N, C-alpha and C. Protein backbone atom coordinates (compact mmCIF):
# COMPACT_ATOMS: atom_id res chain seq x y z
N UNK A 1 -240.92 39.95 -117.37
CA UNK A 1 -240.75 40.88 -118.46
C UNK A 1 -240.17 42.17 -117.90
N UNK A 2 -239.31 42.81 -118.63
CA UNK A 2 -238.68 44.05 -118.19
C UNK A 2 -239.52 45.24 -118.62
N UNK A 3 -239.64 46.24 -117.70
CA UNK A 3 -240.35 47.48 -117.96
C UNK A 3 -239.47 48.63 -117.54
N UNK A 4 -239.76 49.82 -118.07
CA UNK A 4 -238.96 50.98 -117.74
C UNK A 4 -239.84 52.19 -117.47
N UNK A 5 -239.48 52.96 -116.44
CA UNK A 5 -240.01 54.30 -116.19
C UNK A 5 -238.76 55.14 -116.04
N UNK A 6 -238.51 56.00 -116.97
CA UNK A 6 -237.23 56.70 -117.04
C UNK A 6 -236.82 57.24 -115.70
N UNK A 7 -235.62 56.94 -115.23
CA UNK A 7 -234.65 56.00 -115.79
C UNK A 7 -234.71 54.62 -115.14
N UNK A 8 -235.76 54.32 -114.40
CA UNK A 8 -235.85 53.08 -113.64
C UNK A 8 -236.28 51.91 -114.52
N UNK A 9 -235.58 50.78 -114.39
CA UNK A 9 -235.95 49.55 -115.08
C UNK A 9 -236.29 48.52 -114.02
N UNK A 10 -237.45 47.87 -114.17
CA UNK A 10 -237.91 46.88 -113.20
C UNK A 10 -238.37 45.62 -113.93
N UNK A 11 -238.45 44.53 -113.18
CA UNK A 11 -239.14 43.34 -113.65
C UNK A 11 -240.53 43.44 -113.05
N UNK A 12 -241.55 43.16 -113.85
CA UNK A 12 -242.92 43.27 -113.35
C UNK A 12 -243.77 42.18 -113.96
N UNK A 13 -244.72 41.71 -113.16
CA UNK A 13 -245.59 40.62 -113.57
C UNK A 13 -247.02 40.96 -113.17
N UNK A 14 -247.93 40.73 -114.10
CA UNK A 14 -249.33 40.99 -113.82
C UNK A 14 -249.87 39.93 -112.86
N UNK A 15 -250.63 40.38 -111.87
CA UNK A 15 -251.25 39.48 -110.90
C UNK A 15 -252.48 38.84 -111.54
N UNK A 16 -252.54 37.49 -111.48
CA UNK A 16 -253.68 36.78 -112.08
C UNK A 16 -254.62 36.19 -111.03
N UNK A 17 -254.18 36.08 -109.77
CA UNK A 17 -255.10 35.69 -108.69
C UNK A 17 -254.54 36.15 -107.35
N UNK A 18 -255.47 36.44 -106.44
CA UNK A 18 -255.11 36.91 -105.10
C UNK A 18 -255.93 36.12 -104.10
N UNK A 19 -255.26 35.48 -103.15
CA UNK A 19 -255.95 34.74 -102.10
C UNK A 19 -256.37 35.64 -100.96
N UNK A 20 -257.30 35.15 -100.16
CA UNK A 20 -257.72 35.88 -98.96
C UNK A 20 -256.57 35.91 -97.97
N UNK A 21 -256.50 36.93 -97.13
CA UNK A 21 -255.41 36.97 -96.16
C UNK A 21 -255.53 35.85 -95.14
N UNK A 22 -254.37 35.28 -94.76
CA UNK A 22 -254.36 34.26 -93.72
C UNK A 22 -254.38 34.98 -92.35
N UNK A 23 -254.35 34.24 -91.24
CA UNK A 23 -254.41 34.90 -89.92
C UNK A 23 -253.29 35.92 -89.66
N UNK A 24 -252.16 35.77 -90.36
CA UNK A 24 -251.05 36.72 -90.21
C UNK A 24 -251.11 37.86 -91.23
N UNK A 25 -252.13 37.85 -92.09
CA UNK A 25 -252.28 38.91 -93.09
C UNK A 25 -251.53 38.65 -94.38
N UNK A 26 -250.95 37.46 -94.54
CA UNK A 26 -250.25 37.10 -95.78
C UNK A 26 -251.26 36.71 -96.84
N UNK A 27 -250.96 37.05 -98.09
CA UNK A 27 -251.85 36.70 -99.20
C UNK A 27 -251.07 35.92 -100.26
N UNK A 28 -251.68 34.86 -100.77
CA UNK A 28 -251.09 34.10 -101.87
C UNK A 28 -251.39 34.84 -103.16
N UNK A 29 -250.35 35.00 -103.98
CA UNK A 29 -250.47 35.73 -105.24
C UNK A 29 -249.95 34.83 -106.37
N UNK A 30 -250.70 34.76 -107.45
CA UNK A 30 -250.22 34.07 -108.66
C UNK A 30 -249.95 35.14 -109.71
N UNK A 31 -248.83 34.94 -110.43
CA UNK A 31 -248.40 35.91 -111.43
C UNK A 31 -248.47 35.32 -112.83
N UNK A 32 -248.79 36.16 -113.78
CA UNK A 32 -248.85 35.74 -115.17
C UNK A 32 -247.50 35.20 -115.62
N UNK A 33 -247.51 34.00 -116.19
CA UNK A 33 -246.29 33.41 -116.71
C UNK A 33 -245.38 32.77 -115.68
N UNK A 34 -245.84 32.67 -114.44
CA UNK A 34 -245.03 32.08 -113.37
C UNK A 34 -245.79 30.92 -112.74
N UNK A 35 -245.07 29.82 -112.48
CA UNK A 35 -245.68 28.65 -111.86
C UNK A 35 -245.80 28.78 -110.34
N UNK A 36 -244.84 29.45 -109.73
CA UNK A 36 -244.78 29.55 -108.28
C UNK A 36 -245.92 30.40 -107.72
N UNK A 37 -246.20 30.19 -106.44
CA UNK A 37 -247.12 31.05 -105.71
C UNK A 37 -246.25 32.01 -104.90
N UNK A 38 -246.55 33.28 -104.97
CA UNK A 38 -245.80 34.31 -104.25
C UNK A 38 -246.63 34.76 -103.06
N UNK A 39 -245.97 35.34 -102.07
CA UNK A 39 -246.66 35.77 -100.87
C UNK A 39 -246.50 37.27 -100.69
N UNK A 40 -247.64 37.95 -100.61
CA UNK A 40 -247.64 39.38 -100.32
C UNK A 40 -247.80 39.54 -98.82
N UNK A 41 -246.86 40.24 -98.21
CA UNK A 41 -246.89 40.47 -96.76
C UNK A 41 -247.87 41.59 -96.42
N UNK A 42 -248.26 41.69 -95.17
CA UNK A 42 -249.13 42.80 -94.77
C UNK A 42 -248.51 44.17 -95.09
N UNK A 43 -247.19 44.27 -94.97
CA UNK A 43 -246.51 45.53 -95.31
C UNK A 43 -246.67 45.88 -96.78
N UNK A 44 -246.61 44.87 -97.65
CA UNK A 44 -246.78 45.10 -99.08
C UNK A 44 -248.20 45.56 -99.40
N UNK A 45 -249.15 45.15 -98.57
CA UNK A 45 -250.56 45.47 -98.82
C UNK A 45 -251.04 46.68 -98.00
N UNK A 46 -250.13 47.34 -97.29
CA UNK A 46 -250.53 48.44 -96.41
C UNK A 46 -251.11 49.63 -97.18
N UNK A 47 -250.61 49.89 -98.38
CA UNK A 47 -251.07 51.04 -99.15
C UNK A 47 -252.13 50.71 -100.18
N UNK A 48 -252.31 49.43 -100.47
CA UNK A 48 -253.29 49.03 -101.48
C UNK A 48 -253.74 47.61 -101.26
N UNK A 49 -254.93 47.31 -101.67
CA UNK A 49 -255.48 45.95 -101.65
C UNK A 49 -255.20 45.35 -103.02
N UNK A 50 -254.30 44.35 -103.11
CA UNK A 50 -253.98 43.81 -104.44
C UNK A 50 -255.19 43.13 -105.06
N UNK A 51 -255.29 43.26 -106.38
CA UNK A 51 -256.36 42.59 -107.11
C UNK A 51 -255.84 42.13 -108.46
N UNK A 52 -256.62 41.28 -109.10
CA UNK A 52 -256.25 40.77 -110.42
C UNK A 52 -256.05 41.95 -111.36
N UNK A 53 -254.94 41.91 -112.11
CA UNK A 53 -254.62 42.98 -113.06
C UNK A 53 -253.58 43.95 -112.53
N UNK A 54 -253.39 44.00 -111.20
CA UNK A 54 -252.33 44.83 -110.64
C UNK A 54 -250.98 44.17 -110.92
N UNK A 55 -249.90 44.81 -110.50
CA UNK A 55 -248.56 44.33 -110.82
C UNK A 55 -247.73 44.05 -109.57
N UNK A 56 -246.93 42.99 -109.66
CA UNK A 56 -245.89 42.61 -108.69
C UNK A 56 -244.61 43.15 -109.31
N UNK A 57 -243.93 44.08 -108.66
CA UNK A 57 -242.79 44.79 -109.24
C UNK A 57 -241.52 44.50 -108.44
N UNK A 58 -240.43 44.22 -109.16
CA UNK A 58 -239.14 43.93 -108.53
C UNK A 58 -238.12 44.93 -109.09
N UNK A 59 -237.59 45.77 -108.20
CA UNK A 59 -236.56 46.72 -108.60
C UNK A 59 -235.22 46.01 -108.73
N UNK A 60 -234.25 46.63 -109.38
CA UNK A 60 -232.93 46.04 -109.58
C UNK A 60 -232.20 45.78 -108.26
N UNK A 61 -232.54 46.54 -107.21
CA UNK A 61 -231.90 46.32 -105.91
C UNK A 61 -232.59 45.23 -105.09
N UNK A 62 -233.60 44.56 -105.69
CA UNK A 62 -234.29 43.47 -105.03
C UNK A 62 -235.55 43.86 -104.28
N UNK A 63 -235.83 45.16 -104.15
CA UNK A 63 -237.03 45.62 -103.45
C UNK A 63 -238.26 45.20 -104.25
N UNK A 64 -239.24 44.60 -103.56
CA UNK A 64 -240.46 44.11 -104.21
C UNK A 64 -241.65 44.88 -103.66
N UNK A 65 -242.53 45.30 -104.55
CA UNK A 65 -243.74 46.00 -104.13
C UNK A 65 -244.88 45.72 -105.10
N UNK A 66 -246.08 46.09 -104.68
CA UNK A 66 -247.27 45.96 -105.51
C UNK A 66 -247.60 47.32 -106.08
N UNK A 67 -248.12 47.33 -107.31
CA UNK A 67 -248.49 48.59 -107.94
C UNK A 67 -249.85 48.44 -108.60
N UNK A 68 -250.78 49.36 -108.35
CA UNK A 68 -252.08 49.27 -109.02
C UNK A 68 -251.91 49.35 -110.55
N UNK A 69 -252.74 48.64 -111.26
CA UNK A 69 -252.68 48.56 -112.72
C UNK A 69 -252.63 49.94 -113.36
N UNK A 70 -253.53 50.84 -112.95
CA UNK A 70 -253.61 52.16 -113.58
C UNK A 70 -252.32 52.96 -113.39
N UNK A 71 -251.75 52.90 -112.19
CA UNK A 71 -250.51 53.62 -111.91
C UNK A 71 -249.35 53.01 -112.69
N UNK A 72 -249.23 51.68 -112.63
CA UNK A 72 -248.13 51.01 -113.30
C UNK A 72 -248.16 51.28 -114.81
N UNK A 73 -249.31 51.10 -115.44
CA UNK A 73 -249.39 51.23 -116.90
C UNK A 73 -249.26 52.68 -117.36
N UNK A 74 -249.50 53.64 -116.48
CA UNK A 74 -249.28 55.05 -116.82
C UNK A 74 -247.79 55.39 -116.72
N UNK A 75 -247.10 54.79 -115.76
CA UNK A 75 -245.71 55.14 -115.47
C UNK A 75 -244.69 54.34 -116.29
N UNK A 76 -244.94 53.06 -116.51
CA UNK A 76 -243.96 52.18 -117.16
C UNK A 76 -244.37 51.82 -118.58
N UNK A 77 -243.37 51.54 -119.39
CA UNK A 77 -243.63 50.99 -120.73
C UNK A 77 -242.73 49.78 -120.93
N UNK A 78 -243.22 48.83 -121.69
CA UNK A 78 -242.50 47.58 -121.95
C UNK A 78 -241.26 47.86 -122.78
N UNK A 79 -240.15 47.27 -122.37
CA UNK A 79 -238.90 47.36 -123.12
C UNK A 79 -238.91 46.24 -124.15
N UNK A 80 -238.69 46.59 -125.38
CA UNK A 80 -238.62 45.57 -126.44
C UNK A 80 -237.34 44.78 -126.24
N UNK A 81 -237.46 43.49 -125.96
CA UNK A 81 -236.30 42.66 -125.65
C UNK A 81 -235.36 42.51 -126.83
N UNK A 82 -235.86 42.59 -128.06
CA UNK A 82 -235.01 42.43 -129.24
C UNK A 82 -234.74 43.75 -129.93
N UNK A 83 -234.94 44.88 -129.24
CA UNK A 83 -234.77 46.19 -129.86
C UNK A 83 -233.35 46.40 -130.37
N UNK A 84 -232.35 45.97 -129.61
CA UNK A 84 -230.96 46.17 -130.04
C UNK A 84 -230.60 45.21 -131.17
N UNK A 85 -231.27 44.07 -131.26
CA UNK A 85 -230.98 43.11 -132.32
C UNK A 85 -231.58 43.53 -133.65
N UNK A 86 -232.51 44.48 -133.64
CA UNK A 86 -233.19 44.89 -134.86
C UNK A 86 -232.33 45.79 -135.74
N UNK A 87 -231.25 46.34 -135.21
CA UNK A 87 -230.41 47.23 -136.02
C UNK A 87 -229.37 46.50 -136.80
């Protein structure tokens, strides 16, 4: 789903499960609406411990990061996908 924080637009997905870190510090992450399992690297988890309800965020330049739920939902708002079709 697309979200926007003026003027930044990102793709973001709510985290629905987080696995324990493996010996290398990698964590398995499941995202809402996605079948695949994603991997959070130790670098991605350096500033925060991901938990259910947080967000996996992908910027337009391909940079991927984790964002705590409270921060993400305060900063971003959902873009209505059919907003331009409504006129």
